[in-house]
Amino acid sequence: MLQTITVGTHVQVQGLFVRTLENGKVIVSVDDREFEGKPVSRTN
């Protein structure tokens, strides 16, 4: 499943969901790298 996260104040990363951490942050995988950040809320 694709997940978008915010890394820092101006950078967003979209990648494959890996896991959710205890502090509420999310890990996503892009190629051979993993990024940690706050999940972006969905709007309907």
Protein backbone atom coordinates (compact mmCIF):
# COMPACT_ATOMS: atom_id res chain seq x y z
CA MET A 1 0.00 0.00 0.00
CA LEU A 2 1.35 3.46 -0.86
CA GLN A 3 1.71 5.94 2.00
CA THR A 4 2.69 9.60 1.97
CA ILE A 5 4.66 11.05 4.88
CA THR A 6 6.07 14.46 5.75
CA VAL A 7 9.79 14.62 6.47
CA GLY A 8 10.79 17.97 7.94
CA THR A 9 8.70 21.03 7.12
CA HIS A 10 8.70 21.07 3.30
CA VAL A 11 9.51 17.56 2.08
CA GLN A 12 6.99 14.78 1.43
CA VAL A 13 7.88 11.20 0.52
CA GLN A 14 5.57 8.63 -1.04
CA GLY A 15 6.51 4.98 -0.82
CA LEU A 16 5.46 1.52 0.23
CA PHE A 17 4.16 1.29 3.80
CA VAL A 18 6.52 -0.67 6.08
CA ARG A 19 5.26 -0.12 9.63
CA THR A 20 3.89 2.36 12.17
CA LEU A 21 6.10 3.26 15.13
CA GLU A 22 4.93 3.62 18.74
CA ASN A 23 5.28 7.41 18.52
CA GLY A 24 2.78 7.54 15.61
CA LYS A 25 5.35 8.08 12.87
CA VAL A 26 5.36 5.86 9.78
CA ILE A 27 8.19 4.11 7.91
CA VAL A 28 7.95 3.94 4.11
CA SER A 29 10.28 2.23 1.66
CA VAL A 30 11.48 3.76 -1.62
CA ASP A 31 13.80 1.53 -3.65
CA ASP A 32 16.46 0.45 -1.14
CA ARG A 33 15.91 3.32 1.34
CA GLU A 34 13.52 3.72 4.26
CA PHE A 35 12.13 7.07 5.43
CA GLU A 36 10.50 7.97 8.74
CA GLY A 37 7.97 10.77 9.07
CA LYS A 38 4.51 11.91 10.03
CA PRO A 39 1.64 10.46 7.96
CA VAL A 40 -0.25 12.85 5.68
CA SER A 41 -4.00 12.94 6.37
CA ARG A 42 -6.42 11.82 3.68
CA THR A 43 -9.04 14.23 2.44
CA ASN A 44 -12.22 13.01 0.80
